[in-house]
């Protein structure tokens, strides 16, 4: 006899009063879009506030244009040369631009990372990875690129 293992996920709405039950239901329903294949048992709106905020306000076409504007040159170089610049940029920013942490995470030599960062920096022309606002835009573009990829 073969018994399949089933997982159950709960999507929690807001903790508003009973008169706001429809709002709570709507929030819980929106959370269902973020369910992963691994599946965690309970999904709370506070854990997905940013995701909910962005998906309500930025349509897919706008997100795609944002990605193309900020990451288009890196994506093109990666397609032509399989240079892994996008992965490097993502890891570098996720590690707060720490060379040692990023090279460990990517399993590459420090000098290889420095070369890639220099290459990435050269693709931005009038901007630099040392500009805080610009790195925020890049992180948002990376977020959108992951989000768009997941929806397709």
C-alpha atoms as a PDB file:
ATOM      1  CA  UNK A   1       0.000   0.000   0.000  1.00  0.00           C
ATOM      2  CA  UNK A   2       1.409   3.363  -1.069  1.00  0.00           C
ATOM      3  CA  UNK A   3       0.411   6.432   0.878  1.00  0.00           C
ATOM      4  CA  UNK A   4       1.222   9.803  -0.646  1.00  0.00           C
ATOM      5  CA  UNK A   5       2.507  12.513   1.587  1.00  0.00           C
ATOM      6  CA  UNK A   6       0.372  15.631   1.407  1.00  0.00           C
ATOM      7  CA  UNK A   7       1.374  19.024   2.641  1.00  0.00           C
ATOM      8  CA  UNK A   8      -1.028  21.692   3.768  1.00  0.00           C
ATOM      9  CA  UNK A   9      -0.350  25.409   3.665  1.00  0.00           C
ATOM     10  CA  UNK A  10      -2.297  28.075   5.508  1.00  0.00           C
ATOM     11  CA  UNK A  11      -2.598  31.624   4.220  1.00  0.00           C
ATOM     12  CA  UNK A  12      -3.286  34.097   7.000  1.00  0.00           C
ATOM     13  CA  UNK A  13      -5.059  37.362   6.231  1.00  0.00           C
ATOM     14  CA  UNK A  14      -4.964  40.533   8.274  1.00  0.00           C
ATOM     15  CA  UNK A  15      -5.833  40.764  11.949  1.00  0.00           C
ATOM     16  CA  UNK A  16      -8.597  43.291  11.372  1.00  0.00           C
ATOM     17  CA  UNK A  17     -11.974  43.227  13.064  1.00  0.00           C
ATOM     18  CA  UNK A  18     -14.642  40.797  11.881  1.00  0.00           C
ATOM     19  CA  UNK A  19     -16.219  43.573   9.813  1.00  0.00           C
ATOM     20  CA  UNK A  20     -13.040  43.540   7.670  1.00  0.00           C
ATOM     21  CA  UNK A  21     -13.174  39.805   6.953  1.00  0.00           C
ATOM     22  CA  UNK A  22     -13.414  40.333   3.195  1.00  0.00           C
ATOM     23  CA  UNK A  23     -10.215  42.402   3.283  1.00  0.00           C
ATOM     24  CA  UNK A  24      -8.503  39.678   5.313  1.00  0.00           C
ATOM     25  CA  UNK A  25      -9.666  37.027   2.855  1.00  0.00           C
ATOM     26  CA  UNK A  26      -8.386  39.082  -0.104  1.00  0.00           C
ATOM     27  CA  UNK A  27      -4.948  39.438   1.499  1.00  0.00           C
ATOM     28  CA  UNK A  28      -4.771  35.700   2.209  1.00  0.00           C
ATOM     29  CA  UNK A  29      -5.791  34.980  -1.376  1.00  0.00           C
ATOM     30  CA  UNK A  30      -3.037  37.294  -2.699  1.00  0.00           C
ATOM     31  CA  UNK A  31      -0.482  35.420  -0.586  1.00  0.00           C
ATOM     32  CA  UNK A  32      -1.244  32.257  -2.542  1.00  0.00           C
ATOM     33  CA  UNK A  33       0.773  33.689  -5.456  1.00  0.00           C
ATOM     34  CA  UNK A  34       3.922  33.422  -3.312  1.00  0.00           C
ATOM     35  CA  UNK A  35       3.516  29.770  -2.407  1.00  0.00           C
ATOM     36  CA  UNK A  36       6.704  27.922  -3.212  1.00  0.00           C
ATOM     37  CA  UNK A  37       7.030  24.341  -4.369  1.00  0.00           C
ATOM     38  CA  UNK A  38       8.802  23.444  -1.135  1.00  0.00           C
ATOM     39  CA  UNK A  39       5.906  24.982   0.679  1.00  0.00           C
ATOM     40  CA  UNK A  40       6.084  26.403   4.090  1.00  0.00           C
ATOM     41  CA  UNK A  41       3.196  25.575   6.373  1.00  0.00           C
ATOM     42  CA  UNK A  42       1.951  29.096   7.164  1.00  0.00           C
ATOM     43  CA  UNK A  43       2.104  32.276   5.071  1.00  0.00           C
ATOM     44  CA  UNK A  44       1.715  35.604   6.902  1.00  0.00           C
ATOM     45  CA  UNK A  45       1.143  38.945   5.155  1.00  0.00           C
ATOM     46  CA  UNK A  46       3.934  40.642   7.143  1.00  0.00           C
ATOM     47  CA  UNK A  47       6.453  38.190   5.652  1.00  0.00           C
ATOM     48  CA  UNK A  48       5.374  39.183   2.141  1.00  0.00           C
ATOM     49  CA  UNK A  49       4.546  42.873   2.644  1.00  0.00           C
ATOM     50  CA  UNK A  50       7.122  44.075   0.119  1.00  0.00           C
ATOM     51  CA  UNK A  51       6.078  41.467  -2.460  1.00  0.00           C
ATOM     52  CA  UNK A  52       2.401  42.338  -2.047  1.00  0.00           C
ATOM     53  CA  UNK A  53       3.176  46.061  -2.180  1.00  0.00           C
ATOM     54  CA  UNK A  54       5.189  45.730  -5.394  1.00  0.00           C
ATOM     55  CA  UNK A  55       2.816  43.370  -7.206  1.00  0.00           C
ATOM     56  CA  UNK A  56      -0.123  45.696  -6.530  1.00  0.00           C
ATOM     57  CA  UNK A  57       1.729  48.737  -7.874  1.00  0.00           C
ATOM     58  CA  UNK A  58       4.082  47.562 -10.611  1.00  0.00           C
ATOM     59  CA  UNK A  59       2.731  45.669 -13.595  1.00  0.00           C
ATOM     60  CA  UNK A  60       4.829  43.049 -15.373  1.00  0.00           C
ATOM     61  CA  UNK A  61       5.590  45.214 -18.412  1.00  0.00           C
ATOM     62  CA  UNK A  62       6.887  48.074 -16.231  1.00  0.00           C
ATOM     63  CA  UNK A  63       9.017  45.638 -14.253  1.00  0.00           C
ATOM     64  CA  UNK A  64      10.424  44.232 -17.478  1.00  0.00           C
ATOM     65  CA  UNK A  65      11.292  47.725 -18.746  1.00  0.00           C
ATOM     66  CA  UNK A  66      12.981  48.496 -15.420  1.00  0.00           C
ATOM     67  CA  UNK A  67      15.057  45.308 -15.670  1.00  0.00           C
ATOM     68  CA  UNK A  68      16.033  46.034 -19.261  1.00  0.00           C
ATOM     69  CA  UNK A  69      17.041  49.599 -18.392  1.00  0.00           C
ATOM     70  CA  UNK A  70      19.249  48.714 -15.436  1.00  0.00           C
ATOM     71  CA  UNK A  71      20.426  45.191 -16.276  1.00  0.00           C
ATOM     72  CA  UNK A  72      20.041  44.932 -20.049  1.00  0.00           C
ATOM     73  CA  UNK A  73      23.738  45.347 -20.852  1.00  0.00           C
ATOM     74  CA  UNK A  74      24.729  42.717 -18.267  1.00  0.00           C
ATOM     75  CA  UNK A  75      22.090  40.277 -19.515  1.00  0.00           C
ATOM     76  CA  UNK A  76      23.336  40.726 -23.106  1.00  0.00           C
ATOM     77  CA  UNK A  77      26.974  40.096 -22.152  1.00  0.00           C
ATOM     78  CA  UNK A  78      25.928  37.006 -20.168  1.00  0.00           C
ATOM     79  CA  UNK A  79      23.993  35.640 -23.156  1.00  0.00           C
ATOM     80  CA  UNK A  80      26.910  36.175 -25.539  1.00  0.00           C
ATOM     81  CA  UNK A  81      29.759  35.025 -23.295  1.00  0.00           C
ATOM     82  CA  UNK A  82      28.182  33.025 -20.450  1.00  0.00           C
ATOM     83  CA  UNK A  83      30.119  35.330 -18.124  1.00  0.00           C
ATOM     84  CA  UNK A  84      27.858  34.972 -15.069  1.00  0.00           C
ATOM     85  CA  UNK A  85      27.918  38.727 -14.450  1.00  0.00           C
ATOM     86  CA  UNK A  86      24.273  38.869 -13.380  1.00  0.00           C
ATOM     87  CA  UNK A  87      24.788  36.121 -10.797  1.00  0.00           C
ATOM     88  CA  UNK A  88      27.952  37.887  -9.633  1.00  0.00           C
ATOM     89  CA  UNK A  89      26.175  41.232  -9.286  1.00  0.00           C
ATOM     90  CA  UNK A  90      23.295  39.640  -7.387  1.00  0.00           C
ATOM     91  CA  UNK A  91      25.638  37.894  -4.957  1.00  0.00           C
ATOM     92  CA  UNK A  92      27.885  40.944  -4.567  1.00  0.00           C
ATOM     93  CA  UNK A  93      24.955  43.202  -3.650  1.00  0.00           C
ATOM     94  CA  UNK A  94      23.367  40.542  -1.428  1.00  0.00           C
ATOM     95  CA  UNK A  95      26.663  40.331   0.476  1.00  0.00           C
ATOM     96  CA  UNK A  96      26.767  44.112   0.967  1.00  0.00           C
ATOM     97  CA  UNK A  97      29.598  44.423  -1.559  1.00  0.00           C
ATOM     98  CA  UNK A  98      31.890  42.313   0.594  1.00  0.00           C
ATOM     99  CA  UNK A  99      34.559  40.734  -1.607  1.00  0.00           C
ATOM    100  CA  UNK A 100      35.448  37.843   0.717  1.00  0.00           C
ATOM    101  CA  UNK A 101      31.831  36.791   1.371  1.00  0.00           C
ATOM    102  CA  UNK A 102      30.882  37.054  -2.292  1.00  0.00           C
ATOM    103  CA  UNK A 103      33.855  35.056  -3.568  1.00  0.00           C
ATOM    104  CA  UNK A 104      33.140  32.332  -0.975  1.00  0.00           C
ATOM    105  CA  UNK A 105      29.466  32.213  -1.942  1.00  0.00           C
ATOM    106  CA  UNK A 106      30.286  31.981  -5.657  1.00  0.00           C
ATOM    107  CA  UNK A 107      33.214  29.579  -5.141  1.00  0.00           C
ATOM    108  CA  UNK A 108      35.532  31.805  -7.168  1.00  0.00           C
ATOM    109  CA  UNK A 109      38.927  33.353  -6.506  1.00  0.00           C
ATOM    110  CA  UNK A 110      39.007  36.886  -5.161  1.00  0.00           C
ATOM    111  CA  UNK A 111      40.777  38.146  -8.300  1.00  0.00           C
ATOM    112  CA  UNK A 112      38.115  36.573 -10.540  1.00  0.00           C
ATOM    113  CA  UNK A 113      35.469  38.408  -8.550  1.00  0.00           C
ATOM    114  CA  UNK A 114      37.357  41.699  -8.775  1.00  0.00           C
ATOM    115  CA  UNK A 115      37.661  41.246 -12.549  1.00  0.00           C
ATOM    116  CA  UNK A 116      33.918  40.585 -12.875  1.00  0.00           C
ATOM    117  CA  UNK A 117      33.029  43.575 -10.693  1.00  0.00           C
ATOM    118  CA  UNK A 118      35.285  45.791 -12.805  1.00  0.00           C
ATOM    119  CA  UNK A 119      33.556  44.447 -15.942  1.00  0.00           C
ATOM    120  CA  UNK A 120      30.101  45.048 -14.428  1.00  0.00           C
ATOM    121  CA  UNK A 121      31.085  48.573 -13.368  1.00  0.00           C
ATOM    122  CA  UNK A 122      32.334  49.339 -16.885  1.00  0.00           C
ATOM    123  CA  UNK A 123      28.930  48.396 -18.367  1.00  0.00           C
ATOM    124  CA  UNK A 124      27.129  51.087 -16.373  1.00  0.00           C
ATOM    125  CA  UNK A 125      28.943  53.979 -18.108  1.00  0.00           C
ATOM    126  CA  UNK A 126      27.768  57.002 -16.095  1.00  0.00           C
ATOM    127  CA  UNK A 127      27.136  55.195 -12.808  1.00  0.00           C
ATOM    128  CA  UNK A 128      29.144  53.183 -10.338  1.00  0.00           C
ATOM    129  CA  UNK A 129      28.523  50.366  -7.887  1.00  0.00           C
ATOM    130  CA  UNK A 130      29.742  52.730  -5.184  1.00  0.00           C
ATOM    131  CA  UNK A 131      26.617  54.924  -5.580  1.00  0.00           C
ATOM    132  CA  UNK A 132      24.100  53.873  -2.918  1.00  0.00           C
ATOM    133  CA  UNK A 133      21.003  54.976  -4.858  1.00  0.00           C
ATOM    134  CA  UNK A 134      22.209  53.189  -7.965  1.00  0.00           C
ATOM    135  CA  UNK A 135      22.814  49.945  -6.098  1.00  0.00           C
ATOM    136  CA  UNK A 136      19.244  50.180  -4.770  1.00  0.00           C
ATOM    137  CA  UNK A 137      17.958  50.447  -8.356  1.00  0.00           C
ATOM    138  CA  UNK A 138      20.084  47.454  -9.322  1.00  0.00           C
ATOM    139  CA  UNK A 139      18.750  45.419  -6.389  1.00  0.00           C
ATOM    140  CA  UNK A 140      15.194  46.308  -7.371  1.00  0.00           C
ATOM    141  CA  UNK A 141      15.914  45.312 -10.981  1.00  0.00           C
ATOM    142  CA  UNK A 142      17.349  42.002  -9.748  1.00  0.00           C
ATOM    143  CA  UNK A 143      14.223  41.462  -7.631  1.00  0.00           C
ATOM    144  CA  UNK A 144      12.032  42.149 -10.676  1.00  0.00           C
ATOM    145  CA  UNK A 145      14.105  39.788 -12.844  1.00  0.00           C
ATOM    146  CA  UNK A 146      13.569  36.962 -10.350  1.00  0.00           C
ATOM    147  CA  UNK A 147       9.874  37.795 -10.007  1.00  0.00           C
ATOM    148  CA  UNK A 148       9.276  37.945 -13.763  1.00  0.00           C
ATOM    149  CA  UNK A 149      11.155  34.660 -14.262  1.00  0.00           C
ATOM    150  CA  UNK A 150       9.005  32.958 -11.606  1.00  0.00           C
ATOM    151  CA  UNK A 151       5.740  34.079 -13.238  1.00  0.00           C
ATOM    152  CA  UNK A 152       6.594  32.656 -16.675  1.00  0.00           C
END
